[in-house]
Amino acid sequence: MKALVYKGPGQKIVEDRPTPELKDATDAIVKITKTTICGTDLHILKGDVPTCSPGRILGHEGIGVVEKVGAGVTTFHSGDRVLISCISACGRCEYCRRGMYSHCTTGGWILGNVIDGTQAEYVRIPHADTSLYRIPEAVDEEALVMLSDILPTGFECGVLNGKVTPGATVAIVGAGPIGMAALLTAQFYSPAEIIMIDPDKNRLEVAQRFGATKTVNATGNKATEAVMNLTAGRGVDTAIEAVGIPASFLTCEDIVAPGGTIANIGVHGVKVDLHLERLWSQNISITTRLVDTVTTPMLLKTVEAHKIDPTRLITHRFKLNKILDAYDTFGRASETRAMKVIIEA
């Protein structure tokens, strides 16, 4: 089968790989129909994720058709159309019982990280009964690709961890796919203001169409000054970091109001300074999280009911044999205006 393989920092190629086989009784083999590229894949290629070794097939998102299942799988059968969760969960360990699927002792974020992932024609899914979701009839499959990762990530790590409430003022630093997912799902809670911050004019225009009430085209001190002017010097109740670089986290520290929350979503590959010398007395909370995908069933229902339309995030489409072009397009988003790319087998 064809697969996109990580060969080390800055290196990726398309290779012929053997079709995966069942390893454990709880496994399923899924034939991929659609997948996508995540910003985390770009972090891997930068060398920011040391758990991912050269030779790994990348990808942790997608939908497909079950090819075969192990003897211990009871929920799914050959031919079932399924949504693949970016998080694999046994459902039985201490962390799974606490709803922290990302810390599952035999799962978590393993696809495209410590085991081969979804940017291939086939993928092996461990703990299939609790790591796959049946695709409802008459639901746009491209929309469901967004439910593998970015929708639950933006919602859980940004909106829920950020304690967004009705009437609140929210700032999202970073108008990429994850920031946009946080923007879409923050509106479930009717905040009074959602300020999107990004240096890319095109992405800010998209953010306004998606529901941002105000936009700030700036970085660093200029972004902070603009947000403080927009909030009469008070700052924001929730600052969501959706980039994963020191400067964007610093902006969140600078704009959060007393009693507010900084919710980190970004994948950080280098150290970030925490300025407790000025924040220690401000009653703020700082939250971190790897998505658990506990909200996937709820989000699936909202998509099925047309309460949210994740297809709005999709800007480009490619065939699997053009996945290198897809990476090039996604990696040059400021030039190509790429948000999410769909890769079809």
C-alpha atoms as a PDB file:
ATOM      1  CA  MET A   1       0.000   0.000   0.000  1.00  0.00           C
ATOM      2  CA  LYS A   2       1.026   3.649  -0.421  1.00  0.00           C
ATOM      3  CA  ALA A   3       1.849   5.572   2.757  1.00  0.00           C
ATOM      4  CA  LEU A   4       3.356   8.910   3.815  1.00  0.00           C
ATOM      5  CA  VAL A   5       6.408   8.126   5.945  1.00  0.00           C
ATOM      6  CA  TYR A   6       8.348  10.377   8.326  1.00  0.00           C
ATOM      7  CA  LYS A   7      12.092   9.908   7.774  1.00  0.00           C
ATOM      8  CA  GLY A   8      13.426  12.407  10.316  1.00  0.00           C
ATOM      9  CA  PRO A   9      13.211  16.180  10.889  1.00  0.00           C
ATOM     10  CA  GLY A  10      12.311  17.880   7.628  1.00  0.00           C
ATOM     11  CA  GLN A  11      12.083  14.591   5.713  1.00  0.00           C
ATOM     12  CA  LYS A  12       9.043  12.701   4.413  1.00  0.00           C
ATOM     13  CA  ILE A  13       8.435  10.412   1.463  1.00  0.00           C
ATOM     14  CA  VAL A  14       5.713   8.265  -0.054  1.00  0.00           C
ATOM     15  CA  GLU A  15       6.607   4.587   0.260  1.00  0.00           C
ATOM     16  CA  ASP A  16       5.130   1.205  -0.540  1.00  0.00           C
ATOM     17  CA  ARG A  17       4.424  -0.510   2.768  1.00  0.00           C
ATOM     18  CA  PRO A  18       2.852  -3.871   3.626  1.00  0.00           C
ATOM     19  CA  THR A  19      -0.860  -3.723   4.411  1.00  0.00           C
ATOM     20  CA  PRO A  20      -1.196  -3.873   8.221  1.00  0.00           C
ATOM     21  CA  GLU A  21      -2.400  -7.070   9.857  1.00  0.00           C
ATOM     22  CA  LEU A  22      -4.373  -7.701  13.030  1.00  0.00           C
ATOM     23  CA  LYS A  23      -2.041  -7.826  16.021  1.00  0.00           C
ATOM     24  CA  ASP A  24      -4.410  -8.074  18.991  1.00  0.00           C
ATOM     25  CA  ALA A  25      -7.920  -9.465  19.325  1.00  0.00           C
ATOM     26  CA  THR A  26      -9.253  -5.931  19.896  1.00  0.00           C
ATOM     27  CA  ASP A  27      -7.793  -4.537  16.638  1.00  0.00           C
ATOM     28  CA  ALA A  28      -9.548  -3.541  13.443  1.00  0.00           C
ATOM     29  CA  ILE A  29      -8.042  -2.947  10.010  1.00  0.00           C
ATOM     30  CA  VAL A  30      -9.658   0.056   8.322  1.00  0.00           C
ATOM     31  CA  LYS A  31      -9.390   0.948   4.644  1.00  0.00           C
ATOM     32  CA  ILE A  32      -8.946   4.725   4.596  1.00  0.00           C
ATOM     33  CA  THR A  33     -11.300   6.692   2.351  1.00  0.00           C
ATOM     34  CA  LYS A  34     -10.448  10.232   3.528  1.00  0.00           C
ATOM     35  CA  THR A  35      -7.772  11.643   5.802  1.00  0.00           C
ATOM     36  CA  THR A  36      -6.144  15.012   6.422  1.00  0.00           C
ATOM     37  CA  ILE A  37      -2.986  16.722   7.692  1.00  0.00           C
ATOM     38  CA  CYS A  38      -2.800  18.188  11.190  1.00  0.00           C
ATOM     39  CA  GLY A  39      -0.599  20.978  12.477  1.00  0.00           C
ATOM     40  CA  THR A  40       0.816  18.341  14.816  1.00  0.00           C
ATOM     41  CA  ASP A  41       2.166  16.506  11.756  1.00  0.00           C
ATOM     42  CA  LEU A  42       4.090  19.670  10.915  1.00  0.00           C
ATOM     43  CA  HIS A  43       5.419  19.771  14.483  1.00  0.00           C
ATOM     44  CA  ILE A  44       6.624  16.165  14.040  1.00  0.00           C
ATOM     45  CA  LEU A  45       8.411  17.156  10.834  1.00  0.00           C
ATOM     46  CA  LYS A  46      10.092  20.018  12.703  1.00  0.00           C
ATOM     47  CA  GLY A  47      11.404  17.532  15.251  1.00  0.00           C
ATOM     48  CA  ASP A  48       9.165  18.830  18.060  1.00  0.00           C
ATOM     49  CA  VAL A  49       7.708  15.383  18.912  1.00  0.00           C
ATOM     50  CA  PRO A  50      10.532  13.055  20.032  1.00  0.00           C
ATOM     51  CA  THR A  51       8.135  10.122  20.601  1.00  0.00           C
ATOM     52  CA  CYS A  52       7.672   9.850  16.826  1.00  0.00           C
ATOM     53  CA  SER A  53      10.567   7.902  15.318  1.00  0.00           C
ATOM     54  CA  PRO A  54      11.804   7.957  11.717  1.00  0.00           C
ATOM     55  CA  GLY A  55      10.037   5.315   9.648  1.00  0.00           C
ATOM     56  CA  ARG A  56       6.618   6.080  11.097  1.00  0.00           C
ATOM     57  CA  ILE A  57       3.554   6.435   8.849  1.00  0.00           C
ATOM     58  CA  LEU A  58       2.036   9.775   9.849  1.00  0.00           C
ATOM     59  CA  GLY A  59      -1.594  10.758  10.375  1.00  0.00           C
ATOM     60  CA  HIS A  60      -4.138  10.399  13.166  1.00  0.00           C
ATOM     61  CA  GLU A  61      -7.361  11.532  11.499  1.00  0.00           C
ATOM     62  CA  GLY A  62      -9.726  10.053   8.959  1.00  0.00           C
ATOM     63  CA  ILE A  63     -12.707   7.977   8.002  1.00  0.00           C
ATOM     64  CA  GLY A  64     -12.863   4.628   6.298  1.00  0.00           C
ATOM     65  CA  VAL A  65     -14.440   1.210   5.926  1.00  0.00           C
ATOM     66  CA  VAL A  66     -13.716  -1.672   8.267  1.00  0.00           C
ATOM     67  CA  GLU A  67     -11.808  -4.357   6.366  1.00  0.00           C
ATOM     68  CA  LYS A  68     -11.579  -6.937   9.150  1.00  0.00           C
ATOM     69  CA  VAL A  69     -11.727  -7.142  12.927  1.00  0.00           C
ATOM     70  CA  GLY A  70     -10.121  -9.194  15.651  1.00  0.00           C
ATOM     71  CA  ALA A  71     -11.987 -11.859  17.587  1.00  0.00           C
ATOM     72  CA  GLY A  72     -12.471  -9.497  20.551  1.00  0.00           C
ATOM     73  CA  VAL A  73     -14.213  -6.736  18.579  1.00  0.00           C
ATOM     74  CA  THR A  74     -17.983  -6.823  19.082  1.00  0.00           C
ATOM     75  CA  THR A  75     -19.244  -3.392  17.993  1.00  0.00           C
ATOM     76  CA  PHE A  76     -17.940  -3.251  14.418  1.00  0.00           C
ATOM     77  CA  HIS A  77     -17.911  -5.618  11.472  1.00  0.00           C
ATOM     78  CA  SER A  78     -16.420  -5.793   8.009  1.00  0.00           C
ATOM     79  CA  GLY A  79     -18.028  -3.199   5.746  1.00  0.00           C
ATOM     80  CA  ASP A  80     -18.948  -0.700   8.485  1.00  0.00           C
ATOM     81  CA  ARG A  81     -18.237   2.957   7.668  1.00  0.00           C
ATOM     82  CA  VAL A  82     -16.353   4.483  10.592  1.00  0.00           C
ATOM     83  CA  LEU A  83     -14.867   7.666  11.985  1.00  0.00           C
ATOM     84  CA  ILE A  84     -11.377   7.158  13.409  1.00  0.00           C
ATOM     85  CA  SER A  85     -10.615   8.931  16.672  1.00  0.00           C
ATOM     86  CA  CYS A  86      -7.178  10.520  16.971  1.00  0.00           C
ATOM     87  CA  ILE A  87      -7.069   9.031  20.478  1.00  0.00           C
ATOM     88  CA  SER A  88      -7.092   5.267  21.036  1.00  0.00           C
ATOM     89  CA  ALA A  89      -8.731   4.210  24.305  1.00  0.00           C
ATOM     90  CA  CYS A  90      -9.052   0.835  25.991  1.00  0.00           C
ATOM     91  CA  GLY A  91     -11.965   2.081  28.106  1.00  0.00           C
ATOM     92  CA  ARG A  92     -10.809   0.002  31.082  1.00  0.00           C
ATOM     93  CA  CYS A  93      -7.653   1.461  32.600  1.00  0.00           C
ATOM     94  CA  GLU A  94      -7.644   3.988  35.446  1.00  0.00           C
ATOM     95  CA  TYR A  95      -7.247   6.975  33.118  1.00  0.00           C
ATOM     96  CA  CYS A  96      -9.985   5.850  30.724  1.00  0.00           C
ATOM     97  CA  ARG A  97     -12.368   5.386  33.665  1.00  0.00           C
ATOM     98  CA  ARG A  98     -11.635   9.011  34.581  1.00  0.00           C
ATOM     99  CA  GLY A  99     -12.421  10.141  31.018  1.00  0.00           C
ATOM    100  CA  MET A 100      -8.735  10.882  30.334  1.00  0.00           C
ATOM    101  CA  TYR A 101      -8.497   8.758  27.205  1.00  0.00           C
ATOM    102  CA  SER A 102      -5.406  10.642  26.074  1.00  0.00           C
ATOM    103  CA  HIS A 103      -3.545   8.987  28.955  1.00  0.00           C
ATOM    104  CA  CYS A 104      -4.826   5.463  28.307  1.00  0.00           C
ATOM    105  CA  THR A 105      -2.074   3.116  29.461  1.00  0.00           C
ATOM    106  CA  THR A 106      -2.205   1.109  26.217  1.00  0.00           C
ATOM    107  CA  GLY A 107      -3.496   3.835  23.918  1.00  0.00           C
ATOM    108  CA  GLY A 108      -3.723   7.620  23.914  1.00  0.00           C
ATOM    109  CA  TRP A 109      -2.258   9.542  21.002  1.00  0.00           C
ATOM    110  CA  ILE A 110      -0.457   6.636  19.379  1.00  0.00           C
ATOM    111  CA  LEU A 111      -1.656   6.799  15.746  1.00  0.00           C
ATOM    112  CA  GLY A 112       0.954   8.478  13.580  1.00  0.00           C
ATOM    113  CA  ASN A 113       3.099   8.908  16.678  1.00  0.00           C
ATOM    114  CA  VAL A 114       4.223   5.614  18.221  1.00  0.00           C
ATOM    115  CA  ILE A 115       2.367   3.317  15.799  1.00  0.00           C
ATOM    116  CA  ASP A 116       1.642   3.748  12.093  1.00  0.00           C
ATOM    117  CA  GLY A 117      -1.113   6.204  11.259  1.00  0.00           C
ATOM    118  CA  THR A 118      -3.834   7.091   8.807  1.00  0.00           C
ATOM    119  CA  GLN A 119      -2.003   8.759   5.912  1.00  0.00           C
ATOM    120  CA  ALA A 120      -2.016   5.463   4.043  1.00  0.00           C
ATOM    121  CA  GLU A 121      -4.407   3.152   2.255  1.00  0.00           C
ATOM    122  CA  TYR A 122      -4.985   1.037   5.368  1.00  0.00           C
ATOM    123  CA  VAL A 123      -4.469   1.480   9.116  1.00  0.00           C
ATOM    124  CA  ARG A 124      -4.567  -0.801  12.143  1.00  0.00           C
ATOM    125  CA  ILE A 125      -6.786   0.593  14.914  1.00  0.00           C
ATOM    126  CA  PRO A 126      -6.128  -0.752  18.419  1.00  0.00           C
ATOM    127  CA  HIS A 127      -9.072  -0.935  20.873  1.00  0.00           C
ATOM    128  CA  ALA A 128     -11.449  -0.670  17.938  1.00  0.00           C
ATOM    129  CA  ASP A 129     -14.663  -0.922  19.976  1.00  0.00           C
ATOM    130  CA  THR A 130     -13.806   2.252  21.888  1.00  0.00           C
ATOM    131  CA  SER A 131     -11.705   4.090  19.293  1.00  0.00           C
ATOM    132  CA  LEU A 132     -14.038   4.060  16.270  1.00  0.00           C
ATOM    133  CA  TYR A 133     -17.453   5.649  15.726  1.00  0.00           C
ATOM    134  CA  ARG A 134     -20.076   4.442  13.303  1.00  0.00           C
ATOM    135  CA  ILE A 135     -20.831   6.994  10.586  1.00  0.00           C
ATOM    136  CA  PRO A 136     -24.538   7.961  10.520  1.00  0.00           C
ATOM    137  CA  GLU A 137     -26.415   7.877   7.259  1.00  0.00           C
ATOM    138  CA  ALA A 138     -26.751  11.116   5.265  1.00  0.00           C
ATOM    139  CA  VAL A 139     -23.874  12.889   7.064  1.00  0.00           C
ATOM    140  CA  ASP A 140     -21.187  14.569   4.968  1.00  0.00           C
ATOM    141  CA  GLU A 141     -18.120  12.349   5.357  1.00  0.00           C
ATOM    142  CA  GLU A 142     -15.727  15.250   4.812  1.00  0.00           C
ATOM    143  CA  ALA A 143     -17.295  16.997   7.802  1.00  0.00           C
ATOM    144  CA  LEU A 144     -16.627  13.946   9.923  1.00  0.00           C
ATOM    145  CA  VAL A 145     -12.903  14.013   9.134  1.00  0.00           C
ATOM    146  CA  MET A 146     -12.863  17.235  11.173  1.00  0.00           C
ATOM    147  CA  LEU A 147     -14.269  15.264  14.130  1.00  0.00           C
ATOM    148  CA  SER A 148     -11.258  12.965  14.310  1.00  0.00           C
ATOM    149  CA  ASP A 149      -9.209  15.675  15.986  1.00  0.00           C
ATOM    150  CA  ILE A 150      -9.586  19.410  15.443  1.00  0.00           C
ATOM    151  CA  LEU A 151     -13.226  19.848  16.521  1.00  0.00           C
ATOM    152  CA  PRO A 152     -12.876  17.946  19.820  1.00  0.00           C
ATOM    153  CA  THR A 153      -9.423  19.476  20.361  1.00  0.00           C
ATOM    154  CA  GLY A 154     -10.608  23.042  19.889  1.00  0.00           C
ATOM    155  CA  PHE A 155     -13.670  22.359  22.035  1.00  0.00           C
ATOM    156  CA  GLU A 156     -12.097  20.363  24.878  1.00  0.00           C
ATOM    157  CA  CYS A 157      -8.687  22.022  25.166  1.00  0.00           C
ATOM    158  CA  GLY A 158      -9.826  25.535  24.289  1.00  0.00           C
ATOM    159  CA  VAL A 159     -13.492  26.089  25.074  1.00  0.00           C
ATOM    160  CA  LEU A 160     -14.101  23.679  27.963  1.00  0.00           C
ATOM    161  CA  ASN A 161     -10.684  24.141  29.571  1.00  0.00           C
ATOM    162  CA  GLY A 162     -11.016  27.868  28.962  1.00  0.00           C
ATOM    163  CA  LYS A 163     -14.281  27.963  30.938  1.00  0.00           C
ATOM    164  CA  VAL A 164     -16.093  29.946  28.258  1.00  0.00           C
ATOM    165  CA  THR A 165     -19.440  31.189  29.576  1.00  0.00           C
ATOM    166  CA  PRO A 166     -22.366  33.253  28.247  1.00  0.00           C
ATOM    167  CA  GLY A 167     -21.454  36.924  28.082  1.00  0.00           C
ATOM    168  CA  ALA A 168     -17.723  36.295  28.437  1.00  0.00           C
ATOM    169  CA  THR A 169     -14.961  37.925  26.429  1.00  0.00           C
ATOM    170  CA  VAL A 170     -12.779  35.387  24.617  1.00  0.00           C
ATOM    171  CA  ALA A 171      -9.561  35.894  22.661  1.00  0.00           C
ATOM    172  CA  ILE A 172      -8.146  33.179  20.421  1.00  0.00           C
ATOM    173  CA  VAL A 173      -4.477  33.615  19.544  1.00  0.00           C
ATOM    174  CA  GLY A 174      -3.979  31.868  16.219  1.00  0.00           C
ATOM    175  CA  ALA A 175      -6.486  31.651  13.366  1.00  0.00           C
ATOM    176  CA  GLY A 176      -5.311  28.306  12.007  1.00  0.00           C
ATOM    177  CA  PRO A 177      -7.496  25.188  11.896  1.00  0.00           C
ATOM    178  CA  ILE A 178      -7.434  24.591  15.662  1.00  0.00           C
ATOM    179  CA  GLY A 179      -8.136  28.234  16.409  1.00  0.00           C
ATOM    180  CA  MET A 180     -11.041  28.148  13.970  1.00  0.00           C
ATOM    181  CA  ALA A 181     -12.363  24.980  15.614  1.00  0.00           C
ATOM    182  CA  ALA A 182     -12.260  26.756  18.976  1.00  0.00           C
ATOM    183  CA  LEU A 183     -14.059  29.712  17.384  1.00  0.00           C
ATOM    184  CA  LEU A 184     -16.855  27.540  15.983  1.00  0.00           C
ATOM    185  CA  THR A 185     -17.409  25.616  19.206  1.00  0.00           C
ATOM    186  CA  ALA A 186     -17.052  28.603  21.564  1.00  0.00           C
ATOM    187  CA  GLN A 187     -20.291  29.875  20.072  1.00  0.00           C
ATOM    188  CA  PHE A 188     -22.143  26.991  21.786  1.00  0.00           C
ATOM    189  CA  TYR A 189     -21.818  29.107  24.968  1.00  0.00           C
ATOM    190  CA  SER A 190     -22.781  32.536  23.566  1.00  0.00           C
ATOM    191  CA  PRO A 191     -19.796  34.631  24.681  1.00  0.00           C
ATOM    192  CA  ALA A 192     -20.329  38.364  24.210  1.00  0.00           C
ATOM    193  CA  GLU A 193     -17.073  38.841  22.317  1.00  0.00           C
ATOM    194  CA  ILE A 194     -14.734  36.513  20.442  1.00  0.00           C
ATOM    195  CA  ILE A 195     -11.542  38.301  19.401  1.00  0.00           C
ATOM    196  CA  MET A 196      -9.397  36.459  16.861  1.00  0.00           C
ATOM    197  CA  ILE A 197      -5.697  37.378  16.768  1.00  0.00           C
ATOM    198  CA  ASP A 198      -3.443  36.490  13.839  1.00  0.00           C
ATOM    199  CA  PRO A 199      -1.001  38.264  11.500  1.00  0.00           C
ATOM    200  CA  ASP A 200      -2.688  36.742   8.428  1.00  0.00           C
ATOM    201  CA  LYS A 201      -5.331  39.061   6.942  1.00  0.00           C
ATOM    202  CA  ASN A 202      -6.958  36.280   4.927  1.00  0.00           C
ATOM    203  CA  ARG A 203      -7.448  34.050   7.949  1.00  0.00           C
ATOM    204  CA  LEU A 204      -8.937  36.914   9.922  1.00  0.00           C
ATOM    205  CA  GLU A 205     -11.448  37.483   7.139  1.00  0.00           C
ATOM    206  CA  VAL A 206     -12.403  33.806   7.371  1.00  0.00           C
ATOM    207  CA  ALA A 207     -12.681  34.132  11.158  1.00  0.00           C
ATOM    208  CA  GLN A 208     -15.171  36.964  10.770  1.00  0.00           C
ATOM    209  CA  ARG A 209     -17.295  34.796   8.491  1.00  0.00           C
ATOM    210  CA  PHE A 210     -17.103  32.027  11.097  1.00  0.00           C
ATOM    211  CA  GLY A 211     -18.382  34.271  13.904  1.00  0.00           C
ATOM    212  CA  ALA A 212     -15.495  36.298  15.351  1.00  0.00           C
ATOM    213  CA  THR A 213     -16.874  39.604  16.641  1.00  0.00           C
ATOM    214  CA  LYS A 214     -13.530  41.404  16.373  1.00  0.00           C
ATOM    215  CA  THR A 215     -10.145  40.672  14.786  1.00  0.00           C
ATOM    216  CA  VAL A 216      -6.621  41.851  15.533  1.00  0.00           C
ATOM    217  CA  ASN A 217      -4.030  41.754  12.756  1.00  0.00           C
ATOM    218  CA  ALA A 218      -0.896  41.901  14.852  1.00  0.00           C
ATOM    219  CA  THR A 219       1.554  39.969  16.985  1.00  0.00           C
ATOM    220  CA  GLY A 220       3.381  40.558  20.255  1.00  0.00           C
ATOM    221  CA  ASN A 221       3.052  43.933  21.974  1.00  0.00           C
ATOM    222  CA  LYS A 222       0.910  45.362  19.196  1.00  0.00           C
ATOM    223  CA  ALA A 223      -1.609  42.545  19.575  1.00  0.00           C
ATOM    224  CA  THR A 224      -1.673  43.075  23.342  1.00  0.00           C
ATOM    225  CA  GLU A 225      -2.205  46.811  22.947  1.00  0.00           C
ATOM    226  CA  ALA A 226      -5.037  46.254  20.463  1.00  0.00           C
ATOM    227  CA  VAL A 227      -6.833  43.759  22.722  1.00  0.00           C
ATOM    228  CA  MET A 228      -6.516  46.007  25.758  1.00  0.00           C
ATOM    229  CA  ASN A 229      -7.976  48.885  23.734  1.00  0.00           C
ATOM    230  CA  LEU A 230     -10.878  46.668  22.640  1.00  0.00           C
ATOM    231  CA  THR A 231     -11.595  45.670  26.253  1.00  0.00           C
ATOM    232  CA  ALA A 232     -11.231  49.131  27.858  1.00  0.00           C
ATOM    233  CA  GLY A 233      -7.982  48.025  29.489  1.00  0.00           C
ATOM    234  CA  ARG A 234      -9.533  45.065  31.282  1.00  0.00           C
ATOM    235  CA  GLY A 235      -8.337  42.133  29.197  1.00  0.00           C
ATOM    236  CA  VAL A 236     -10.243  38.960  28.337  1.00  0.00           C
ATOM    237  CA  ASP A 237     -11.946  36.331  30.466  1.00  0.00           C
ATOM    238  CA  THR A 238     -10.525  33.498  28.349  1.00  0.00           C
ATOM    239  CA  ALA A 239      -7.325  33.572  26.316  1.00  0.00           C
ATOM    240  CA  ILE A 240      -6.904  30.510  24.088  1.00  0.00           C
ATOM    241  CA  GLU A 241      -3.399  29.750  22.817  1.00  0.00           C
ATOM    242  CA  ALA A 242      -3.758  27.966  19.463  1.00  0.00           C
ATOM    243  CA  VAL A 243      -0.319  28.239  17.877  1.00  0.00           C
ATOM    244  CA  GLY A 244       2.301  26.537  20.032  1.00  0.00           C
ATOM    245  CA  ILE A 245       5.093  29.128  20.090  1.00  0.00           C
ATOM    246  CA  PRO A 246       6.444  31.195  23.004  1.00  0.00           C
ATOM    247  CA  ALA A 247       5.266  34.522  21.581  1.00  0.00           C
ATOM    248  CA  SER A 248       1.615  33.458  21.351  1.00  0.00           C
ATOM    249  CA  PHE A 249       1.589  32.122  24.920  1.00  0.00           C
ATOM    250  CA  LEU A 250       3.148  35.392  26.105  1.00  0.00           C
ATOM    251  CA  THR A 251       0.347  37.285  24.370  1.00  0.00           C
ATOM    252  CA  CYS A 252      -2.160  35.216  26.339  1.00  0.00           C
ATOM    253  CA  GLU A 253      -0.344  36.098  29.571  1.00  0.00           C
ATOM    254  CA  ASP A 254      -0.484  39.776  28.629  1.00  0.00           C
ATOM    255  CA  ILE A 255      -4.197  39.931  27.739  1.00  0.00           C
ATOM    256  CA  VAL A 256      -5.868  37.719  30.345  1.00  0.00           C
ATOM    257  CA  ALA A 257      -7.993  39.660  32.832  1.00  0.00           C
ATOM    258  CA  PRO A 258      -7.878  39.154  36.601  1.00  0.00           C
ATOM    259  CA  GLY A 259      -9.855  36.006  37.389  1.00  0.00           C
ATOM    260  CA  GLY A 260      -9.483  34.803  33.806  1.00  0.00           C
ATOM    261  CA  THR A 261      -8.202  31.602  32.226  1.00  0.00           C
ATOM    262  CA  ILE A 262      -5.399  30.834  29.787  1.00  0.00           C
ATOM    263  CA  ALA A 263      -6.236  27.638  27.890  1.00  0.00           C
ATOM    264  CA  ASN A 264      -3.295  26.187  26.007  1.00  0.00           C
ATOM    265  CA  ILE A 265      -3.994  24.116  22.890  1.00  0.00           C
ATOM    266  CA  GLY A 266      -0.747  24.561  20.955  1.00  0.00           C
ATOM    267  CA  VAL A 267       1.982  21.922  20.722  1.00  0.00           C
ATOM    268  CA  HIS A 268       5.086  23.529  22.215  1.00  0.00           C
ATOM    269  CA  GLY A 269       8.465  22.303  21.039  1.00  0.00           C
ATOM    270  CA  VAL A 270      10.585  24.787  23.021  1.00  0.00           C
ATOM    271  CA  LYS A 271      10.352  26.315  26.490  1.00  0.00           C
ATOM    272  CA  VAL A 272       7.872  29.086  27.245  1.00  0.00           C
ATOM    273  CA  ASP A 273       8.353  31.759  29.899  1.00  0.00           C
ATOM    274  CA  LEU A 274       5.728  32.005  32.623  1.00  0.00           C
ATOM    275  CA  HIS A 275       5.749  35.482  34.168  1.00  0.00           C
ATOM    276  CA  LEU A 276       4.570  34.694  37.669  1.00  0.00           C
ATOM    277  CA  GLU A 277       6.257  37.869  38.910  1.00  0.00           C
ATOM    278  CA  ARG A 278       3.249  39.766  37.549  1.00  0.00           C
ATOM    279  CA  LEU A 279       0.591  37.046  37.364  1.00  0.00           C
ATOM    280  CA  TRP A 280       0.833  35.494  40.843  1.00  0.00           C
ATOM    281  CA  SER A 281      -1.722  37.919  42.321  1.00  0.00           C
ATOM    282  CA  GLN A 282      -4.183  37.945  39.403  1.00  0.00           C
ATOM    283  CA  ASN A 283      -6.345  34.914  40.296  1.00  0.00           C
ATOM    284  CA  ILE A 284      -5.847  33.399  36.862  1.00  0.00           C
ATOM    285  CA  SER A 285      -5.953  29.735  35.854  1.00  0.00           C
ATOM    286  CA  ILE A 286      -3.667  28.136  33.278  1.00  0.00           C
ATOM    287  CA  THR A 287      -4.892  24.905  31.726  1.00  0.00           C
ATOM    288  CA  THR A 288      -3.190  22.349  29.502  1.00  0.00           C
ATOM    289  CA  ARG A 289      -4.643  19.265  27.901  1.00  0.00           C
ATOM    290  CA  LEU A 290      -4.176  16.678  25.214  1.00  0.00           C
ATOM    291  CA  VAL A 291      -7.545  16.075  23.622  1.00  0.00           C
ATOM    292  CA  ASP A 292      -9.431  13.128  25.155  1.00  0.00           C
ATOM    293  CA  THR A 293     -12.179  13.003  22.481  1.00  0.00           C
ATOM    294  CA  VAL A 294     -14.789  12.453  25.217  1.00  0.00           C
ATOM    295  CA  THR A 295     -16.987  15.007  23.424  1.00  0.00           C
ATOM    296  CA  THR A 296     -16.884  13.271  20.032  1.00  0.00           C
ATOM    297  CA  PRO A 297     -20.350  11.642  20.433  1.00  0.00           C
ATOM    298  CA  MET A 298     -21.884  15.032  21.284  1.00  0.00           C
ATOM    299  CA  LEU A 299     -20.114  16.777  18.419  1.00  0.00           C
ATOM    300  CA  LEU A 300     -21.219  14.015  16.069  1.00  0.00           C
ATOM    301  CA  LYS A 301     -24.820  14.751  17.025  1.00  0.00           C
ATOM    302  CA  THR A 302     -24.378  18.492  16.459  1.00  0.00           C
ATOM    303  CA  VAL A 303     -23.004  17.831  12.973  1.00  0.00           C
ATOM    304  CA  GLU A 304     -25.784  15.362  12.220  1.00  0.00           C
ATOM    305  CA  ALA A 305     -28.344  17.974  13.346  1.00  0.00           C
ATOM    306  CA  HIS A 306     -26.663  20.677  11.197  1.00  0.00           C
ATOM    307  CA  LYS A 307     -25.929  22.814  14.268  1.00  0.00           C
ATOM    308  CA  ILE A 308     -22.316  23.148  13.174  1.00  0.00           C
ATOM    309  CA  ASP A 309     -20.726  22.752   9.746  1.00  0.00           C
ATOM    310  CA  PRO A 310     -17.076  21.628   9.910  1.00  0.00           C
ATOM    311  CA  THR A 311     -16.828  21.453   6.101  1.00  0.00           C
ATOM    312  CA  ARG A 312     -16.341  25.224   6.214  1.00  0.00           C
ATOM    313  CA  LEU A 313     -12.806  24.499   7.398  1.00  0.00           C
ATOM    314  CA  ILE A 314     -11.917  22.557   4.223  1.00  0.00           C
ATOM    315  CA  THR A 315     -10.100  24.556   1.549  1.00  0.00           C
ATOM    316  CA  HIS A 316      -8.225  22.009  -0.601  1.00  0.00           C
ATOM    317  CA  ARG A 317      -8.627  18.423  -1.790  1.00  0.00           C
ATOM    318  CA  PHE A 318      -6.003  15.955  -3.006  1.00  0.00           C
ATOM    319  CA  LYS A 319      -5.692  12.293  -3.910  1.00  0.00           C
ATOM    320  CA  LEU A 320      -3.411  10.131  -1.770  1.00  0.00           C
ATOM    321  CA  ASN A 321      -0.861   9.897  -4.578  1.00  0.00           C
ATOM    322  CA  LYS A 322      -0.559  13.708  -4.366  1.00  0.00           C
ATOM    323  CA  ILE A 323      -0.076  13.851  -0.596  1.00  0.00           C
ATOM    324  CA  LEU A 324       3.324  15.544  -0.928  1.00  0.00           C
ATOM    325  CA  ASP A 325       1.576  18.355  -2.797  1.00  0.00           C
ATOM    326  CA  ALA A 326      -0.979  18.455   0.015  1.00  0.00           C
ATOM    327  CA  TYR A 327       1.808  18.883   2.582  1.00  0.00           C
ATOM    328  CA  ASP A 328       3.376  21.632   0.504  1.00  0.00           C
ATOM    329  CA  THR A 329       0.041  23.448   0.263  1.00  0.00           C
ATOM    330  CA  PHE A 330      -0.741  23.025   3.959  1.00  0.00           C
ATOM    331  CA  GLY A 331       2.760  24.042   5.011  1.00  0.00           C
ATOM    332  CA  ARG A 332       2.539  27.288   3.020  1.00  0.00           C
ATOM    333  CA  ALA A 333      -0.880  28.248   4.336  1.00  0.00           C
ATOM    334  CA  SER A 334      -0.173  31.975   4.346  1.00  0.00           C
ATOM    335  CA  GLU A 335       0.422  31.831   0.590  1.00  0.00           C
ATOM    336  CA  THR A 336      -2.089  29.146  -0.392  1.00  0.00           C
ATOM    337  CA  ARG A 337      -4.847  30.182   2.060  1.00  0.00           C
ATOM    338  CA  ALA A 338      -5.070  26.573   3.158  1.00  0.00           C
ATOM    339  CA  MET A 339      -7.051  25.732   6.262  1.00  0.00           C
ATOM    340  CA  LYS A 340      -7.751  21.978   6.191  1.00  0.00           C
ATOM    341  CA  VAL A 341      -6.924  19.699   3.283  1.00  0.00           C
ATOM    342  CA  ILE A 342      -8.817  16.518   2.465  1.00  0.00           C
ATOM    343  CA  ILE A 343      -6.776  13.605   1.148  1.00  0.00           C
ATOM    344  CA  GLU A 344      -8.831  10.937  -0.574  1.00  0.00           C
ATOM    345  CA  ALA A 345      -7.585   7.421  -1.177  1.00  0.00           C
END
